[in-house]
PDB file of N, CA and C in Angstrom:
ATOM      1  N   MET A   1       4.428 255.507 261.557  1.00  0.00           N
ATOM      2  CA  MET A   1       5.461 254.673 260.981  1.00  0.00           C
ATOM      3  C   MET A   1       5.511 253.369 261.779  1.00  0.00           C
ATOM      4  N   THR A   2       5.485 252.288 261.057  1.00  0.00           N
ATOM      5  CA  THR A   2       5.516 250.988 261.734  1.00  0.00           C
ATOM      6  C   THR A   2       6.947 250.669 262.181  1.00  0.00           C
ATOM      7  N   ALA A   3       7.056 249.680 263.042  1.00  0.00           N
ATOM      8  CA  ALA A   3       8.361 249.290 263.576  1.00  0.00           C
ATOM      9  C   ALA A   3       9.281 248.786 262.459  1.00  0.00           C
ATOM     10  N   GLY A   4       8.723 248.062 261.486  1.00  0.00           N
ATOM     11  CA  GLY A   4       9.517 247.539 260.363  1.00  0.00           C
ATOM     12  C   GLY A   4      10.088 248.656 259.508  1.00  0.00           C
ATOM     13  N   LYS A   5       9.280 249.676 259.208  1.00  0.00           N
ATOM     14  CA  LYS A   5       9.753 250.800 258.405  1.00  0.00           C
ATOM     15  C   LYS A   5      10.801 251.608 259.169  1.00  0.00           C
ATOM     16  N   LYS A   6      10.620 251.729 260.465  1.00  0.00           N
ATOM     17  CA  LYS A   6      11.568 252.473 261.289  1.00  0.00           C
ATOM     18  C   LYS A   6      12.927 251.768 261.303  1.00  0.00           C
ATOM     19  N   ILE A   7      12.914 250.444 261.436  1.00  0.00           N
ATOM     20  CA  ILE A   7      14.164 249.672 261.432  1.00  0.00           C
ATOM     21  C   ILE A   7      14.848 249.780 260.072  1.00  0.00           C
ATOM     22  N   ILE A   8      14.068 249.679 258.995  1.00  0.00           N
ATOM     23  CA  ILE A   8      14.638 249.797 257.648  1.00  0.00           C
ATOM     24  C   ILE A   8      15.247 251.187 257.455  1.00  0.00           C
ATOM     25  N   SER A   9      14.578 252.231 257.922  1.00  0.00           N
ATOM     26  CA  SER A   9      15.099 253.594 257.815  1.00  0.00           C
ATOM     27  C   SER A   9      16.414 253.746 258.563  1.00  0.00           C
ATOM     28  N   ILE A  10      16.503 253.165 259.750  1.00  0.00           N
ATOM     29  CA  ILE A  10      17.730 253.244 260.547  1.00  0.00           C
ATOM     30  C   ILE A  10      18.861 252.486 259.854  1.00  0.00           C
ATOM     31  N   VAL A  11      18.560 251.283 259.339  1.00  0.00           N
ATOM     32  CA  VAL A  11      19.575 250.489 258.639  1.00  0.00           C
ATOM     33  C   VAL A  11      20.076 251.223 257.391  1.00  0.00           C
ATOM     34  N   VAL A  12      19.164 251.823 256.629  1.00  0.00           N
ATOM     35  CA  VAL A  12      19.548 252.570 255.427  1.00  0.00           C
ATOM     36  C   VAL A  12      20.412 253.777 255.810  1.00  0.00           C
ATOM     37  N   ALA A  13      20.039 254.494 256.866  1.00  0.00           N
ATOM     38  CA  ALA A  13      20.813 255.657 257.313  1.00  0.00           C
ATOM     39  C   ALA A  13      22.220 255.239 257.751  1.00  0.00           C
ATOM     40  N   ILE A  14      22.320 254.149 258.485  1.00  0.00           N
ATOM     41  CA  ILE A  14      23.632 253.669 258.918  1.00  0.00           C
ATOM     42  C   ILE A  14      24.462 253.221 257.720  1.00  0.00           C
ATOM     43  N   ALA A  15      23.840 252.533 256.764  1.00  0.00           N
ATOM     44  CA  ALA A  15      24.555 252.083 255.562  1.00  0.00           C
ATOM     45  C   ALA A  15      25.075 253.283 254.764  1.00  0.00           C
ATOM     46  N   LEU A  16      24.268 254.327 254.621  1.00  0.00           N
ATOM     47  CA  LEU A  16      24.701 255.527 253.902  1.00  0.00           C
ATOM     48  C   LEU A  16      25.861 256.215 254.622  1.00  0.00           C
ATOM     49  N   LEU A  17      25.807 256.264 255.950  1.00  0.00           N
ATOM     50  CA  LEU A  17      26.906 256.849 256.719  1.00  0.00           C
ATOM     51  C   LEU A  17      28.196 256.052 256.549  1.00  0.00           C
ATOM     52  N   VAL A  18      28.085 254.727 256.583  1.00  0.00           N
ATOM     53  CA  VAL A  18      29.268 253.875 256.413  1.00  0.00           C
ATOM     54  C   VAL A  18      29.844 254.047 255.003  1.00  0.00           C
ATOM     55  N   ILE A  19      28.999 254.057 253.990  1.00  0.00           N
ATOM     56  CA  ILE A  19      29.456 254.246 252.608  1.00  0.00           C
ATOM     57  C   ILE A  19      30.110 255.614 252.451  1.00  0.00           C
ATOM     58  N   GLY A  20      29.482 256.645 253.012  1.00  0.00           N
ATOM     59  CA  GLY A  20      30.060 257.992 252.960  1.00  0.00           C
ATOM     60  C   GLY A  20      31.411 258.057 253.656  1.00  0.00           C
ATOM     61  N   ALA A  21      31.536 257.409 254.806  1.00  0.00           N
ATOM     62  CA  ALA A  21      32.808 257.392 255.533  1.00  0.00           C
ATOM     63  C   ALA A  21      33.891 256.664 254.736  1.00  0.00           C
ATOM     64  N   LEU A  22      33.540 255.543 254.085  1.00  0.00           N
ATOM     65  CA  LEU A  22      34.511 254.813 253.275  1.00  0.00           C
ATOM     66  C   LEU A  22      34.968 255.622 252.067  1.00  0.00           C
ATOM     67  N   ILE A  23      34.043 256.305 251.421  1.00  0.00           N
ATOM     68  CA  ILE A  23      34.398 257.152 250.277  1.00  0.00           C
ATOM     69  C   ILE A  23      35.322 258.273 250.733  1.00  0.00           C
ATOM     70  N   TYR A  24      34.991 258.910 251.850  1.00  0.00           N
ATOM     71  CA  TYR A  24      35.843 259.981 252.374  1.00  0.00           C
ATOM     72  C   TYR A  24      37.235 259.440 252.686  1.00  0.00           C
ATOM     73  N   TYR A  25      37.320 258.311 253.379  1.00  0.00           N
ATOM     74  CA  TYR A  25      38.606 257.739 253.768  1.00  0.00           C
ATOM     75  C   TYR A  25      39.458 257.375 252.559  1.00  0.00           C
ATOM     76  N   ASN A  26      38.858 256.780 251.535  1.00  0.00           N
ATOM     77  CA  ASN A  26      39.609 256.323 250.377  1.00  0.00           C
ATOM     78  C   ASN A  26      40.020 257.440 249.421  1.00  0.00           C
ATOM     79  N   TYR A  27      39.237 258.519 249.315  1.00  0.00           N
ATOM     80  CA  TYR A  27      39.491 259.506 248.271  1.00  0.00           C
ATOM     81  C   TYR A  27      39.761 260.931 248.759  1.00  0.00           C
ATOM     82  N   PHE A  28      39.429 261.265 250.000  1.00  0.00           N
ATOM     83  CA  PHE A  28      39.583 262.642 250.455  1.00  0.00           C
ATOM     84  C   PHE A  28      40.431 262.780 251.717  1.00  0.00           C
ATOM     85  N   PHE A  29      40.573 261.740 252.491  1.00  0.00           N
ATOM     86  CA  PHE A  29      41.383 261.765 253.707  1.00  0.00           C
ATOM     87  C   PHE A  29      42.858 261.772 253.323  1.00  0.00           C
ATOM     88  N   VAL A  30      43.614 262.747 253.848  1.00  0.00           N
ATOM     89  CA  VAL A  30      45.050 262.817 253.570  1.00  0.00           C
ATOM     90  C   VAL A  30      45.736 261.790 254.452  1.00  0.00           C
ATOM     91  N   PHE A  31      46.206 260.722 253.835  1.00  0.00           N
ATOM     92  CA  PHE A  31      46.840 259.611 254.545  1.00  0.00           C
ATOM     93  C   PHE A  31      48.244 259.979 255.003  1.00  0.00           C
ATOM     94  N   GLY A  32      48.950 260.751 254.192  1.00  0.00           N
ATOM     95  CA  GLY A  32      50.301 261.158 254.543  1.00  0.00           C
ATOM     96  C   GLY A  32      50.703 262.420 253.813  1.00  0.00           C
ATOM     97  N   GLU A  33      51.681 263.115 254.372  1.00  0.00           N
ATOM     98  CA  GLU A  33      52.239 264.310 253.752  1.00  0.00           C
ATOM     99  C   GLU A  33      53.746 264.216 253.844  1.00  0.00           C
ATOM    100  N   GLY A  34      54.440 264.836 252.909  1.00  0.00           N
ATOM    101  CA  GLY A  34      55.882 264.807 252.977  1.00  0.00           C
ATOM    102  C   GLY A  34      56.519 265.640 251.895  1.00  0.00           C
ATOM    103  N   VAL A  35      57.840 265.532 251.837  1.00  0.00           N
ATOM    104  CA  VAL A  35      58.632 266.252 250.846  1.00  0.00           C
ATOM    105  C   VAL A  35      59.506 265.238 250.119  1.00  0.00           C
ATOM    106  N   LYS A  36      59.540 265.334 248.818  1.00  0.00           N
ATOM    107  CA  LYS A  36      60.433 264.517 247.996  1.00  0.00           C
ATOM    108  C   LYS A  36      61.337 265.465 247.229  1.00  0.00           C
ATOM    109  N   ALA A  37      62.582 265.059 247.058  1.00  0.00           N
ATOM    110  CA  ALA A  37      63.549 265.878 246.350  1.00  0.00           C
ATOM    111  C   ALA A  37      64.193 265.063 245.242  1.00  0.00           C
ATOM    112  N   GLY A  38      64.432 265.719 244.115  1.00  0.00           N
ATOM    113  CA  GLY A  38      65.089 265.049 243.007  1.00  0.00           C
ATOM    114  C   GLY A  38      65.019 265.867 241.737  1.00  0.00           C
ATOM    115  N   GLU A  39      65.521 265.280 240.668  1.00  0.00           N
ATOM    116  CA  GLU A  39      65.532 265.942 239.370  1.00  0.00           C
ATOM    117  C   GLU A  39      64.211 265.696 238.658  1.00  0.00           C
ATOM    118  N   LEU A  40      63.603 266.775 238.167  1.00  0.00           N
ATOM    119  CA  LEU A  40      62.336 266.647 237.451  1.00  0.00           C
ATOM    120  C   LEU A  40      62.592 266.013 236.092  1.00  0.00           C
ATOM    121  N   ASN A  41      62.055 264.830 235.892  1.00  0.00           N
ATOM    122  CA  ASN A  41      62.211 264.121 234.628  1.00  0.00           C
ATOM    123  C   ASN A  41      61.234 264.682 233.602  1.00  0.00           C
ATOM    124  N   TYR A  42      59.964 264.736 233.956  1.00  0.00           N
ATOM    125  CA  TYR A  42      58.965 265.299 233.050  1.00  0.00           C
ATOM    126  C   TYR A  42      57.718 265.691 233.819  1.00  0.00           C
ATOM    127  N   ILE A  43      56.923 266.546 233.177  1.00  0.00           N
ATOM    128  CA  ILE A  43      55.575 266.848 233.634  1.00  0.00           C
ATOM    129  C   ILE A  43      54.731 267.071 232.383  1.00  0.00           C
ATOM    130  N   VAL A  44      53.584 266.414 232.325  1.00  0.00           N
ATOM    131  CA  VAL A  44      52.722 266.481 231.146  1.00  0.00           C
ATOM    132  C   VAL A  44      51.271 266.675 231.583  1.00  0.00           C
ATOM    133  N   LYS A  45      50.498 267.251 230.682  1.00  0.00           N
ATOM    134  CA  LYS A  45      49.052 267.364 230.889  1.00  0.00           C
ATOM    135  C   LYS A  45      48.412 266.298 230.021  1.00  0.00           C
ATOM    136  N   LYS A  46      47.651 265.385 230.654  1.00  0.00           N
ATOM    137  CA  LYS A  46      47.058 264.314 229.861  1.00  0.00           C
ATOM    138  C   LYS A  46      45.745 263.857 230.476  1.00  0.00           C
ATOM    139  N   GLY A  47      45.001 263.102 229.696  1.00  0.00           N
ATOM    140  CA  GLY A  47      43.737 262.545 230.143  1.00  0.00           C
ATOM    141  C   GLY A  47      42.711 262.582 229.032  1.00  0.00           C
ATOM    142  N   TYR A  48      41.757 261.669 229.088  1.00  0.00           N
ATOM    143  CA  TYR A  48      40.710 261.609 228.074  1.00  0.00           C
ATOM    144  C   TYR A  48      39.597 262.613 228.351  1.00  0.00           C
ATOM    145  N   VAL A  49      39.023 262.556 229.525  1.00  0.00           N
ATOM    146  CA  VAL A  49      37.933 263.466 229.888  1.00  0.00           C
ATOM    147  C   VAL A  49      38.447 264.536 230.837  1.00  0.00           C
ATOM    148  N   PHE A  50      39.086 264.099 231.910  1.00  0.00           N
ATOM    149  CA  PHE A  50      39.641 265.011 232.899  1.00  0.00           C
ATOM    150  C   PHE A  50      41.133 265.158 232.631  1.00  0.00           C
ATOM    151  N   LYS A  51      41.562 266.341 232.214  1.00  0.00           N
ATOM    152  CA  LYS A  51      42.976 266.601 231.964  1.00  0.00           C
ATOM    153  C   LYS A  51      43.650 266.906 233.301  1.00  0.00           C
ATOM    154  N   SER A  52      44.747 266.206 233.556  1.00  0.00           N
ATOM    155  CA  SER A  52      45.493 266.445 234.784  1.00  0.00           C
ATOM    156  C   SER A  52      46.983 266.496 234.470  1.00  0.00           C
ATOM    157  N   TYR A  53      47.736 267.090 235.364  1.00  0.00           N
ATOM    158  CA  TYR A  53      49.180 267.190 235.206  1.00  0.00           C
ATOM    159  C   TYR A  53      49.832 266.025 235.937  1.00  0.00           C
ATOM    160  N   GLU A  54      50.657 265.284 235.217  1.00  0.00           N
ATOM    161  CA  GLU A  54      51.348 264.123 235.772  1.00  0.00           C
ATOM    162  C   GLU A  54      52.840 264.320 235.584  1.00  0.00           C
ATOM    163  N   GLY A  55      53.610 263.934 236.599  1.00  0.00           N
ATOM    164  CA  GLY A  55      55.050 264.134 236.515  1.00  0.00           C
ATOM    165  C   GLY A  55      55.836 263.010 237.162  1.00  0.00           C
ATOM    166  N   LYS A  56      57.148 263.074 236.934  1.00  0.00           N
ATOM    167  CA  LYS A  56      58.048 262.086 237.520  1.00  0.00           C
ATOM    168  C   LYS A  56      59.308 262.800 237.991  1.00  0.00           C
ATOM    169  N   LEU A  57      59.715 262.485 239.214  1.00  0.00           N
ATOM    170  CA  LEU A  57      60.917 263.016 239.824  1.00  0.00           C
ATOM    171  C   LEU A  57      61.905 261.864 239.974  1.00  0.00           C
ATOM    172  N   ILE A  58      63.146 262.071 239.527  1.00  0.00           N
ATOM    173  CA  ILE A  58      64.187 261.065 239.686  1.00  0.00           C
ATOM    174  C   ILE A  58      64.979 261.437 240.930  1.00  0.00           C
ATOM    175  N   GLN A  59      64.965 260.547 241.923  1.00  0.00           N
ATOM    176  CA  GLN A  59      65.651 260.802 243.178  1.00  0.00           C
ATOM    177  C   GLN A  59      67.042 260.199 243.153  1.00  0.00           C
ATOM    178  N   SER A  60      67.945 260.791 243.917  1.00  0.00           N
ATOM    179  CA  SER A  60      69.306 260.263 243.957  1.00  0.00           C
ATOM    180  C   SER A  60      69.316 258.934 244.693  1.00  0.00           C
ATOM    181  N   GLY A  61      70.283 258.114 244.366  1.00  0.00           N
ATOM    182  CA  GLY A  61      70.373 256.797 244.982  1.00  0.00           C
ATOM    183  C   GLY A  61      69.746 255.746 244.096  1.00  0.00           C
ATOM    184  N   ILE A  62      69.859 254.519 244.545  1.00  0.00           N
ATOM    185  CA  ILE A  62      69.293 253.401 243.807  1.00  0.00           C
ATOM    186  C   ILE A  62      68.538 252.502 244.763  1.00  0.00           C
ATOM    187  N   LYS A  63      67.600 251.785 244.239  1.00  0.00           N
ATOM    188  CA  LYS A  63      66.857 250.820 245.044  1.00  0.00           C
ATOM    189  C   LYS A  63      66.669 249.558 244.226  1.00  0.00           C
ATOM    190  N   SER A  64      66.337 248.512 244.900  1.00  0.00           N
ATOM    191  CA  SER A  64      66.163 247.231 244.226  1.00  0.00           C
ATOM    192  C   SER A  64      64.805 246.649 244.595  1.00  0.00           C
ATOM    193  N   ARG A  65      63.961 246.438 243.615  1.00  0.00           N
ATOM    194  CA  ARG A  65      62.671 245.785 243.856  1.00  0.00           C
ATOM    195  C   ARG A  65      62.838 244.276 243.883  1.00  0.00           C
ATOM    196  N   GLN A  66      63.810 243.798 243.136  1.00  0.00           N
ATOM    197  CA  GLN A  66      64.099 242.371 243.099  1.00  0.00           C
ATOM    198  C   GLN A  66      65.570 242.176 243.432  1.00  0.00           C
ATOM    199  N   THR A  67      65.866 241.085 244.040  1.00  0.00           N
ATOM    200  CA  THR A  67      67.245 240.782 244.402  1.00  0.00           C
ATOM    201  C   THR A  67      68.125 240.717 243.154  1.00  0.00           C
ATOM    202  N   GLY A  68      69.260 241.416 243.212  1.00  0.00           N
ATOM    203  CA  GLY A  68      70.197 241.377 242.107  1.00  0.00           C
ATOM    204  C   GLY A  68      69.955 242.399 241.016  1.00  0.00           C
ATOM    205  N   THR A  69      68.969 243.271 241.158  1.00  0.00           N
ATOM    206  CA  THR A  69      68.715 244.297 240.148  1.00  0.00           C
ATOM    207  C   THR A  69      68.857 245.674 240.777  1.00  0.00           C
ATOM    208  N   LEU A  70      69.166 246.674 239.958  1.00  0.00           N
ATOM    209  CA  LEU A  70      69.280 248.054 240.411  1.00  0.00           C
ATOM    210  C   LEU A  70      68.338 248.914 239.593  1.00  0.00           C
ATOM    211  N   GLN A  71      67.788 249.933 240.246  1.00  0.00           N
ATOM    212  CA  GLN A  71      66.848 250.808 239.565  1.00  0.00           C
ATOM    213  C   GLN A  71      66.885 252.180 240.233  1.00  0.00           C
ATOM    214  N   ASN A  72      66.698 253.252 239.468  1.00  0.00           N
ATOM    215  CA  ASN A  72      66.620 254.590 240.039  1.00  0.00           C
ATOM    216  C   ASN A  72      65.374 254.713 240.902  1.00  0.00           C
ATOM    217  N   ASN A  73      65.466 255.559 241.919  1.00  0.00           N
ATOM    218  CA  ASN A  73      64.274 255.895 242.692  1.00  0.00           C
ATOM    219  C   ASN A  73      63.464 256.894 241.884  1.00  0.00           C
ATOM    220  N   GLU A  74      62.220 256.587 241.649  1.00  0.00           N
ATOM    221  CA  GLU A  74      61.340 257.470 240.886  1.00  0.00           C
ATOM    222  C   GLU A  74      60.107 257.778 241.710  1.00  0.00           C
ATOM    223  N   PHE A  75      59.686 259.028 241.677  1.00  0.00           N
ATOM    224  CA  PHE A  75      58.493 259.469 242.381  1.00  0.00           C
ATOM    225  C   PHE A  75      57.524 259.984 241.334  1.00  0.00           C
ATOM    226  N   GLU A  76      56.451 259.235 241.099  1.00  0.00           N
ATOM    227  CA  GLU A  76      55.432 259.653 240.145  1.00  0.00           C
ATOM    228  C   GLU A  76      54.321 260.348 240.899  1.00  0.00           C
ATOM    229  N   PHE A  77      53.861 261.464 240.363  1.00  0.00           N
ATOM    230  CA  PHE A  77      52.913 262.308 241.088  1.00  0.00           C
ATOM    231  C   PHE A  77      51.960 263.021 240.136  1.00  0.00           C
ATOM    232  N   SER A  78      50.900 263.566 240.713  1.00  0.00           N
ATOM    233  CA  SER A  78      49.974 264.439 240.002  1.00  0.00           C
ATOM    234  C   SER A  78      50.112 265.832 240.602  1.00  0.00           C
ATOM    235  N   VAL A  79      49.741 266.833 239.820  1.00  0.00           N
ATOM    236  CA  VAL A  79      49.760 268.217 240.292  1.00  0.00           C
ATOM    237  C   VAL A  79      48.359 268.766 240.120  1.00  0.00           C
ATOM    238  N   GLY A  80      47.782 269.268 241.196  1.00  0.00           N
ATOM    239  CA  GLY A  80      46.424 269.783 241.142  1.00  0.00           C
ATOM    240  C   GLY A  80      46.333 271.230 240.713  1.00  0.00           C
ATOM    241  N   ASP A  81      47.389 272.004 240.904  1.00  0.00           N
ATOM    242  CA  ASP A  81      47.388 273.443 240.637  1.00  0.00           C
ATOM    243  C   ASP A  81      48.077 273.734 239.304  1.00  0.00           C
ATOM    244  N   LYS A  82      47.363 274.399 238.400  1.00  0.00           N
ATOM    245  CA  LYS A  82      47.889 274.703 237.069  1.00  0.00           C
ATOM    246  C   LYS A  82      49.131 275.580 237.146  1.00  0.00           C
ATOM    247  N   GLN A  83      49.164 276.546 238.059  1.00  0.00           N
ATOM    248  CA  GLN A  83      50.315 277.453 238.171  1.00  0.00           C
ATOM    249  C   GLN A  83      51.577 276.698 238.593  1.00  0.00           C
ATOM    250  N   ILE A  84      51.427 275.756 239.521  1.00  0.00           N
ATOM    251  CA  ILE A  84      52.573 274.949 239.947  1.00  0.00           C
ATOM    252  C   ILE A  84      53.075 274.110 238.778  1.00  0.00           C
ATOM    253  N   ALA A  85      52.161 273.487 238.045  1.00  0.00           N
ATOM    254  CA  ALA A  85      52.541 272.644 236.905  1.00  0.00           C
ATOM    255  C   ALA A  85      53.244 273.467 235.832  1.00  0.00           C
ATOM    256  N   GLU A  86      52.751 274.643 235.534  1.00  0.00           N
ATOM    257  CA  GLU A  86      53.377 275.474 234.506  1.00  0.00           C
ATOM    258  C   GLU A  86      54.755 275.954 234.947  1.00  0.00           C
ATOM    259  N   ARG A  87      54.920 276.247 236.231  1.00  0.00           N
ATOM    260  CA  ARG A  87      56.244 276.627 236.743  1.00  0.00           C
ATOM    261  C   ARG A  87      57.221 275.459 236.580  1.00  0.00           C
ATOM    262  N   MET A  88      56.749 274.257 236.851  1.00  0.00           N
ATOM    263  CA  MET A  88      57.603 273.082 236.703  1.00  0.00           C
ATOM    264  C   MET A  88      57.930 272.822 235.233  1.00  0.00           C
ATOM    265  N   MET A  89      56.965 273.028 234.348  1.00  0.00           N
ATOM    266  CA  MET A  89      57.203 272.825 232.915  1.00  0.00           C
ATOM    267  C   MET A  89      58.291 273.774 232.402  1.00  0.00           C
ATOM    268  N   GLY A  90      58.320 274.973 232.954  1.00  0.00           N
ATOM    269  CA  GLY A  90      59.314 275.958 232.530  1.00  0.00           C
ATOM    270  C   GLY A  90      60.700 275.695 233.087  1.00  0.00           C
ATOM    271  N   ASN A  91      60.826 274.773 234.027  1.00  0.00           N
ATOM    272  CA  ASN A  91      62.114 274.492 234.662  1.00  0.00           C
ATOM    273  C   ASN A  91      62.400 272.996 234.684  1.00  0.00           C
ATOM    274  N   SER A  92      62.032 272.293 233.668  1.00  0.00           N
ATOM    275  CA  SER A  92      62.244 270.851 233.619  1.00  0.00           C
ATOM    276  C   SER A  92      63.731 270.534 233.656  1.00  0.00           C
ATOM    277  N   GLY A  93      64.096 269.446 234.328  1.00  0.00           N
ATOM    278  CA  GLY A  93      65.486 269.039 234.429  1.00  0.00           C
ATOM    279  C   GLY A  93      66.221 269.629 235.611  1.00  0.00           C
ATOM    280  N   LYS A  94      65.568 270.491 236.378  1.00  0.00           N
ATOM    281  CA  LYS A  94      66.199 271.076 237.558  1.00  0.00           C
ATOM    282  C   LYS A  94      65.917 270.231 238.791  1.00  0.00           C
ATOM    283  N   PHE A  95      66.606 270.558 239.872  1.00  0.00           N
ATOM    284  CA  PHE A  95      66.448 269.850 241.141  1.00  0.00           C
ATOM    285  C   PHE A  95      65.306 270.510 241.917  1.00  0.00           C
ATOM    286  N   TYR A  96      64.308 269.706 242.300  1.00  0.00           N
ATOM    287  CA  TYR A  96      63.119 270.211 242.995  1.00  0.00           C
ATOM    288  C   TYR A  96      62.979 269.589 244.372  1.00  0.00           C
ATOM    289  N   GLU A  97      62.448 270.355 245.295  1.00  0.00           N
ATOM    290  CA  GLU A  97      61.935 269.843 246.562  1.00  0.00           C
ATOM    291  C   GLU A  97      60.431 270.116 246.531  1.00  0.00           C
ATOM    292  N   LEU A  98      59.637 269.039 246.514  1.00  0.00           N
ATOM    293  CA  LEU A  98      58.192 269.145 246.338  1.00  0.00           C
ATOM    294  C   LEU A  98      57.453 268.650 247.576  1.00  0.00           C
ATOM    295  N   HIS A  99      56.458 269.405 248.006  1.00  0.00           N
ATOM    296  CA  HIS A  99      55.583 268.963 249.088  1.00  0.00           C
ATOM    297  C   HIS A  99      54.391 268.259 248.452  1.00  0.00           C
ATOM    298  N   TYR A 100      54.025 267.109 249.012  1.00  0.00           N
ATOM    299  CA  TYR A 100      52.924 266.340 248.443  1.00  0.00           C
ATOM    300  C   TYR A 100      51.996 265.826 249.540  1.00  0.00           C
ATOM    301  N   LYS A 101      50.802 265.461 249.118  1.00  0.00           N
ATOM    302  CA  LYS A 101      49.825 264.795 249.978  1.00  0.00           C
ATOM    303  C   LYS A 101      49.541 263.431 249.373  1.00  0.00           C
ATOM    304  N   GLU A 102      49.446 262.438 250.246  1.00  0.00           N
ATOM    305  CA  GLU A 102      49.169 261.068 249.792  1.00  0.00           C
ATOM    306  C   GLU A 102      47.744 260.686 250.185  1.00  0.00           C
ATOM    307  N   TYR A 103      46.999 260.186 249.213  1.00  0.00           N
ATOM    308  CA  TYR A 103      45.641 259.711 249.433  1.00  0.00           C
ATOM    309  C   TYR A 103      45.621 258.194 249.237  1.00  0.00           C
ATOM    310  N   LYS A 104      44.614 257.537 249.733  1.00  0.00           N
ATOM    311  CA  LYS A 104      44.498 256.084 249.572  1.00  0.00           C
ATOM    312  C   LYS A 104      44.109 255.712 248.141  1.00  0.00           C
ATOM    313  N   GLY A 105      43.380 256.568 247.461  1.00  0.00           N
ATOM    314  CA  GLY A 105      42.945 256.296 246.094  1.00  0.00           C
ATOM    315  C   GLY A 105      43.014 257.555 245.252  1.00  0.00           C
ATOM    316  N   SER A 106      43.014 257.397 243.946  1.00  0.00           N
ATOM    317  CA  SER A 106      43.066 258.553 243.049  1.00  0.00           C
ATOM    318  C   SER A 106      41.679 258.843 242.488  1.00  0.00           C
ATOM    319  N   LEU A 107      41.472 260.092 242.123  1.00  0.00           N
ATOM    320  CA  LEU A 107      40.228 260.532 241.485  1.00  0.00           C
ATOM    321  C   LEU A 107      40.581 261.083 240.105  1.00  0.00           C
ATOM    322  N   PRO A 108      39.747 260.843 239.103  1.00  0.00           N
ATOM    323  CA  PRO A 108      40.088 261.249 237.734  1.00  0.00           C
ATOM    324  C   PRO A 108      40.405 262.737 237.592  1.00  0.00           C
ATOM    325  N   TRP A 109      39.691 263.608 238.276  1.00  0.00           N
ATOM    326  CA  TRP A 109      39.906 265.042 238.144  1.00  0.00           C
ATOM    327  C   TRP A 109      41.079 265.526 238.995  1.00  0.00           C
ATOM    328  N   ARG A 110      41.580 264.679 239.884  1.00  0.00           N
ATOM    329  CA  ARG A 110      42.725 265.049 240.717  1.00  0.00           C
ATOM    330  C   ARG A 110      44.029 264.499 240.127  1.00  0.00           C
ATOM    331  N   GLY A 111      43.929 263.510 239.257  1.00  0.00           N
ATOM    332  CA  GLY A 111      45.113 262.938 238.629  1.00  0.00           C
ATOM    333  C   GLY A 111      45.141 261.435 238.765  1.00  0.00           C
ATOM    334  N   TYR A 112      46.118 260.820 238.117  1.00  0.00           N
ATOM    335  CA  TYR A 112      46.225 259.364 238.096  1.00  0.00           C
ATOM    336  C   TYR A 112      46.951 258.804 239.318  1.00  0.00           C
ATOM    337  N   SER A 113      47.695 259.644 239.995  1.00  0.00           N
ATOM    338  CA  SER A 113      48.515 259.189 241.103  1.00  0.00           C
ATOM    339  C   SER A 113      47.831 259.432 242.445  1.00  0.00           C
ATOM    340  N   ARG A 114      48.207 258.625 243.438  1.00  0.00           N
ATOM    341  CA  ARG A 114      47.740 258.844 244.812  1.00  0.00           C
ATOM    342  C   ARG A 114      48.506 259.979 245.461  1.00  0.00           C
ATOM    343  N   TYR A 115      49.629 260.375 244.860  1.00  0.00           N
ATOM    344  CA  TYR A 115      50.475 261.443 245.393  1.00  0.00           C
ATOM    345  C   TYR A 115      50.183 262.723 244.623  1.00  0.00           C
ATOM    346  N   VAL A 116      49.755 263.768 245.338  1.00  0.00           N
ATOM    347  CA  VAL A 116      49.392 265.033 244.705  1.00  0.00           C
ATOM    348  C   VAL A 116      50.302 266.125 245.250  1.00  0.00           C
ATOM    349  N   VAL A 117      51.102 266.723 244.355  1.00  0.00           N
ATOM    350  CA  VAL A 117      51.997 267.816 244.738  1.00  0.00           C
ATOM    351  C   VAL A 117      51.161 269.077 244.893  1.00  0.00           C
ATOM    352  N   ASP A 118      51.322 269.732 246.056  1.00  0.00           N
ATOM    353  CA  ASP A 118      50.551 270.952 246.305  1.00  0.00           C
ATOM    354  C   ASP A 118      51.415 272.196 246.466  1.00  0.00           C
ATOM    355  N   SER A 119      52.747 272.035 246.537  1.00  0.00           N
ATOM    356  CA  SER A 119      53.622 273.207 246.588  1.00  0.00           C
ATOM    357  C   SER A 119      55.056 272.819 246.254  1.00  0.00           C
ATOM    358  N   ILE A 120      55.814 273.839 245.866  1.00  0.00           N
ATOM    359  CA  ILE A 120      57.234 273.678 245.566  1.00  0.00           C
ATOM    360  C   ILE A 120      58.007 274.377 246.668  1.00  0.00           C
ATOM    361  N   TYR A 121      58.883 273.621 247.346  1.00  0.00           N
ATOM    362  CA  TYR A 121      59.734 274.226 248.377  1.00  0.00           C
ATOM    363  C   TYR A 121      60.894 274.979 247.754  1.00  0.00           C
ATOM    364  N   SER A 122      61.583 274.340 246.802  1.00  0.00           N
ATOM    365  CA  SER A 122      62.724 275.009 246.170  1.00  0.00           C
ATOM    366  C   SER A 122      62.994 274.407 244.802  1.00  0.00           C
ATOM    367  N   VAL A 123      63.646 275.231 243.971  1.00  0.00           N
ATOM    368  CA  VAL A 123      64.101 274.822 242.633  1.00  0.00           C
ATOM    369  C   VAL A 123      65.546 275.250 242.520  1.00  0.00           C
ATOM    370  N   LYS A 124      66.425 274.318 242.146  1.00  0.00           N
ATOM    371  CA  LYS A 124      67.845 274.624 242.015  1.00  0.00           C
ATOM    372  C   LYS A 124      68.375 274.038 240.708  1.00  0.00           C
ATOM    373  N   ASP A 125      69.413 274.676 240.191  1.00  0.00           N
ATOM    374  CA  ASP A 125      70.104 274.115 239.037  1.00  0.00           C
ATOM    375  C   ASP A 125      70.885 272.905 239.491  1.00  0.00           C
ATOM    376  N   LEU A 126      71.018 271.916 238.630  1.00  0.00           N
ATOM    377  CA  LEU A 126      71.806 270.733 238.947  1.00  0.00           C
ATOM    378  C   LEU A 126      73.288 271.083 238.869  1.00  0.00           C
ATOM    379  N   PRO A 127      74.093 270.507 239.764  1.00  0.00           N
ATOM    380  CA  PRO A 127      75.538 270.755 239.681  1.00  0.00           C
ATOM    381  C   PRO A 127      76.103 270.170 238.395  1.00  0.00           C
ATOM    382  N   GLN A 128      77.055 270.851 237.822  1.00  0.00           N
ATOM    383  CA  GLN A 128      77.660 270.411 236.565  1.00  0.00           C
ATOM    384  C   GLN A 128      78.778 269.450 236.787  1.00  0.00           C
TER     385      GLN A 128
END
């Protein structure tokens, strides 16, 4: 192997490692984990090729994205586990505490959101 081919091989190997590391960081590295609590607004199964479960949780309190406006806190998420999604579908409108993982980017088969719910801590009826 000549010196030129050896250098090209090393550069290609380093480039592949860097690309692989960037893909891992953007799509598979768990950037954050946490719990969100609120009333389940909806959960649906949708998608053209990859069907995924998408939902929205309405959190108590209000926030303002722009000065002078008020808006509900909403947490939009994907659900990777069919059993969790079906349990949520059967109890829509209840108060949930959901554990989620946050990724830097979304993948079509994982859902549309960067936030993926992986477990339910608790489900409660809303106070009347």
